[in-house]
């Protein structure tokens, strides 16, 4: 039933608070799916590939900010 509501009306996204300012992640309040923004600013489903990509990007920025 929850997925049907998202298919008909669209996802109700809420921003997940993270330490990184540049990487934004969202969670659907209805079905619980996670989304993130790619390099072009479009929303994509948060898969293992995107989780790893976001982690690498956060680590790179963290090391760069310390130096």
N, C-alpha and C. Protein backbone atom coordinates (compact mmCIF):
# COMPACT_ATOMS: atom_id res chain seq x y z
N UNK A 1 0.82 -1.20 0.00
CA UNK A 1 0.00 0.00 0.00
C UNK A 1 0.87 1.26 0.00
N UNK A 2 1.97 1.21 0.75
CA UNK A 2 2.84 2.39 0.83
C UNK A 2 3.46 2.70 -0.53
N UNK A 3 3.91 1.64 -1.22
CA UNK A 3 4.54 1.86 -2.52
C UNK A 3 3.53 2.35 -3.54
N UNK A 4 2.29 1.93 -3.42
CA UNK A 4 1.25 2.39 -4.34
C UNK A 4 1.02 3.89 -4.19
N UNK A 5 1.05 4.38 -2.96
CA UNK A 5 0.87 5.81 -2.73
C UNK A 5 2.01 6.60 -3.37
N UNK A 6 3.23 6.08 -3.26
CA UNK A 6 4.38 6.76 -3.86
C UNK A 6 4.30 6.74 -5.38
N UNK A 7 3.79 5.65 -5.95
CA UNK A 7 3.66 5.58 -7.40
C UNK A 7 2.62 6.55 -7.92
N UNK A 8 1.54 6.73 -7.17
CA UNK A 8 0.47 7.60 -7.63
C UNK A 8 0.76 9.08 -7.37
N UNK A 9 1.19 9.41 -6.17
CA UNK A 9 1.38 10.81 -5.78
C UNK A 9 2.83 11.27 -5.82
N UNK A 10 3.76 10.36 -5.87
CA UNK A 10 5.17 10.71 -5.83
C UNK A 10 5.70 10.58 -4.41
N UNK A 11 7.00 10.53 -4.28
CA UNK A 11 7.64 10.36 -2.98
C UNK A 11 7.56 11.65 -2.16
N UNK A 12 7.37 11.51 -0.86
CA UNK A 12 7.41 12.62 0.08
C UNK A 12 8.80 12.63 0.70
N UNK A 13 9.72 13.40 0.15
CA UNK A 13 11.12 13.36 0.56
C UNK A 13 11.38 14.29 1.73
N UNK A 14 12.19 13.79 2.66
CA UNK A 14 12.64 14.57 3.80
C UNK A 14 14.15 14.47 3.84
N UNK A 15 14.82 15.60 4.02
CA UNK A 15 16.28 15.64 4.00
C UNK A 15 16.85 14.94 5.23
N UNK A 16 17.85 14.10 5.02
CA UNK A 16 18.57 13.44 6.11
C UNK A 16 19.71 14.35 6.50
N UNK A 17 19.78 14.70 7.77
CA UNK A 17 20.83 15.59 8.25
C UNK A 17 22.17 14.85 8.25
N UNK A 18 23.16 15.43 7.59
CA UNK A 18 24.50 14.87 7.53
C UNK A 18 25.50 15.97 7.86
N UNK A 19 26.71 15.55 8.19
CA UNK A 19 27.76 16.52 8.49
C UNK A 19 28.22 17.26 7.25
N UNK A 20 28.26 16.56 6.14
CA UNK A 20 28.71 17.17 4.89
C UNK A 20 27.66 18.13 4.35
N UNK A 21 28.09 19.28 3.93
CA UNK A 21 27.18 20.28 3.39
C UNK A 21 26.92 20.02 1.91
N UNK A 22 27.91 19.51 1.20
CA UNK A 22 27.78 19.35 -0.25
C UNK A 22 26.96 18.13 -0.66
N UNK A 23 26.99 17.07 0.13
CA UNK A 23 26.27 15.84 -0.22
C UNK A 23 24.93 15.84 0.50
N UNK A 24 23.87 15.73 -0.28
CA UNK A 24 22.53 15.74 0.29
C UNK A 24 21.89 14.38 0.10
N UNK A 25 21.28 13.86 1.17
CA UNK A 25 20.56 12.61 1.08
C UNK A 25 19.14 12.83 1.59
N UNK A 26 18.20 12.10 0.99
CA UNK A 26 16.79 12.24 1.32
C UNK A 26 16.20 10.86 1.58
N UNK A 27 15.12 10.81 2.38
CA UNK A 27 14.39 9.58 2.65
C UNK A 27 12.92 9.85 2.43
N UNK A 28 12.25 8.92 1.77
CA UNK A 28 10.81 9.02 1.56
C UNK A 28 10.11 8.66 2.86
N UNK A 29 9.20 9.52 3.31
CA UNK A 29 8.51 9.27 4.57
C UNK A 29 7.48 8.16 4.44
N UNK A 30 7.05 7.86 3.23
CA UNK A 30 6.04 6.80 3.03
C UNK A 30 6.68 5.42 2.93
N UNK A 31 7.59 5.23 1.98
CA UNK A 31 8.13 3.90 1.71
C UNK A 31 9.52 3.67 2.30
N UNK A 32 10.22 4.71 2.72
CA UNK A 32 11.53 4.56 3.36
C UNK A 32 12.70 4.47 2.41
N UNK A 33 12.49 4.61 1.10
CA UNK A 33 13.60 4.56 0.16
C UNK A 33 14.47 5.79 0.33
N UNK A 34 15.78 5.61 0.10
CA UNK A 34 16.72 6.72 0.22
C UNK A 34 17.13 7.21 -1.16
N UNK A 35 17.36 8.51 -1.25
CA UNK A 35 17.78 9.14 -2.50
C UNK A 35 18.92 10.10 -2.21
N UNK A 36 19.70 10.40 -3.23
CA UNK A 36 20.79 11.36 -3.13
C UNK A 36 20.86 12.15 -4.43
N UNK A 37 21.66 13.18 -4.44
CA UNK A 37 21.86 13.96 -5.66
C UNK A 37 23.15 13.51 -6.32
N UNK A 38 23.12 13.44 -7.66
CA UNK A 38 24.34 13.08 -8.37
C UNK A 38 25.11 14.35 -8.71
N UNK A 39 26.13 14.23 -9.52
CA UNK A 39 26.98 15.37 -9.86
C UNK A 39 26.27 16.46 -10.62
N UNK A 40 25.14 16.13 -11.24
CA UNK A 40 24.38 17.11 -12.01
C UNK A 40 23.23 17.71 -11.23
N UNK A 41 23.03 17.24 -9.99
CA UNK A 41 21.97 17.78 -9.16
C UNK A 41 20.63 17.08 -9.28
N UNK A 42 20.58 15.98 -10.03
CA UNK A 42 19.33 15.24 -10.15
C UNK A 42 19.25 14.18 -9.07
N UNK A 43 18.04 13.82 -8.67
CA UNK A 43 17.84 12.82 -7.64
C UNK A 43 18.00 11.42 -8.22
N UNK A 44 18.77 10.59 -7.53
CA UNK A 44 18.94 9.19 -7.90
C UNK A 44 18.73 8.34 -6.65
N UNK A 45 18.29 7.09 -6.86
CA UNK A 45 18.11 6.18 -5.73
C UNK A 45 19.47 5.88 -5.11
N UNK A 46 19.54 5.87 -3.80
CA UNK A 46 20.80 5.65 -3.08
C UNK A 46 21.11 4.16 -3.04
N UNK A 47 21.92 3.72 -4.00
CA UNK A 47 22.35 2.33 -4.07
C UNK A 47 23.71 2.21 -3.40
N UNK A 48 24.24 0.99 -3.36
CA UNK A 48 25.57 0.79 -2.77
C UNK A 48 26.63 1.58 -3.53
N UNK A 49 26.46 1.69 -4.84
CA UNK A 49 27.41 2.48 -5.64
C UNK A 49 27.42 3.94 -5.18
N UNK A 50 26.24 4.53 -5.00
CA UNK A 50 26.17 5.94 -4.60
C UNK A 50 26.59 6.13 -3.15
N UNK A 51 26.31 5.14 -2.27
CA UNK A 51 26.79 5.24 -0.89
C UNK A 51 28.31 5.28 -0.84
N UNK A 52 28.95 4.38 -1.63
CA UNK A 52 30.40 4.33 -1.68
C UNK A 52 30.95 5.62 -2.29
N UNK A 53 30.31 6.11 -3.33
CA UNK A 53 30.73 7.34 -3.98
C UNK A 53 30.65 8.52 -3.00
N UNK A 54 29.55 8.63 -2.24
CA UNK A 54 29.40 9.71 -1.27
C UNK A 54 30.43 9.61 -0.16
N UNK A 55 30.72 8.38 0.30
CA UNK A 55 31.72 8.19 1.36
C UNK A 55 33.11 8.62 0.88
N UNK A 56 33.47 8.22 -0.34
CA UNK A 56 34.77 8.62 -0.89
C UNK A 56 34.86 10.14 -1.04
N UNK A 57 33.80 10.74 -1.48
CA UNK A 57 33.77 12.19 -1.67
C UNK A 57 33.90 12.91 -0.32
N UNK A 58 33.19 12.41 0.72
CA UNK A 58 33.29 13.01 2.06
C UNK A 58 34.71 12.86 2.61
N UNK A 59 35.33 11.69 2.42
CA UNK A 59 36.70 11.48 2.89
C UNK A 59 37.67 12.41 2.18
N UNK A 60 37.50 12.56 0.86
CA UNK A 60 38.36 13.45 0.09
C UNK A 60 38.23 14.89 0.56
N UNK A 61 37.01 15.34 0.77
CA UNK A 61 36.81 16.72 1.22
C UNK A 61 37.32 16.91 2.64
N UNK A 62 37.16 15.90 3.49
CA UNK A 62 37.63 16.00 4.87
C UNK A 62 39.13 16.14 4.94
N UNK A 63 39.86 15.37 4.15
CA UNK A 63 41.33 15.45 4.11
C UNK A 63 41.77 16.79 3.52
N UNK A 64 41.04 17.26 2.55
CA UNK A 64 41.39 18.52 1.88
C UNK A 64 41.16 19.70 2.81
N UNK A 65 40.11 19.65 3.63
CA UNK A 65 39.78 20.76 4.53
C UNK A 65 40.79 20.85 5.67
N UNK A 66 41.33 19.69 6.11
CA UNK A 66 42.29 19.66 7.21
C UNK A 66 43.61 20.26 6.77
N UNK A 67 44.02 19.97 5.53
CA UNK A 67 45.32 20.44 5.04
C UNK A 67 45.35 21.92 4.82
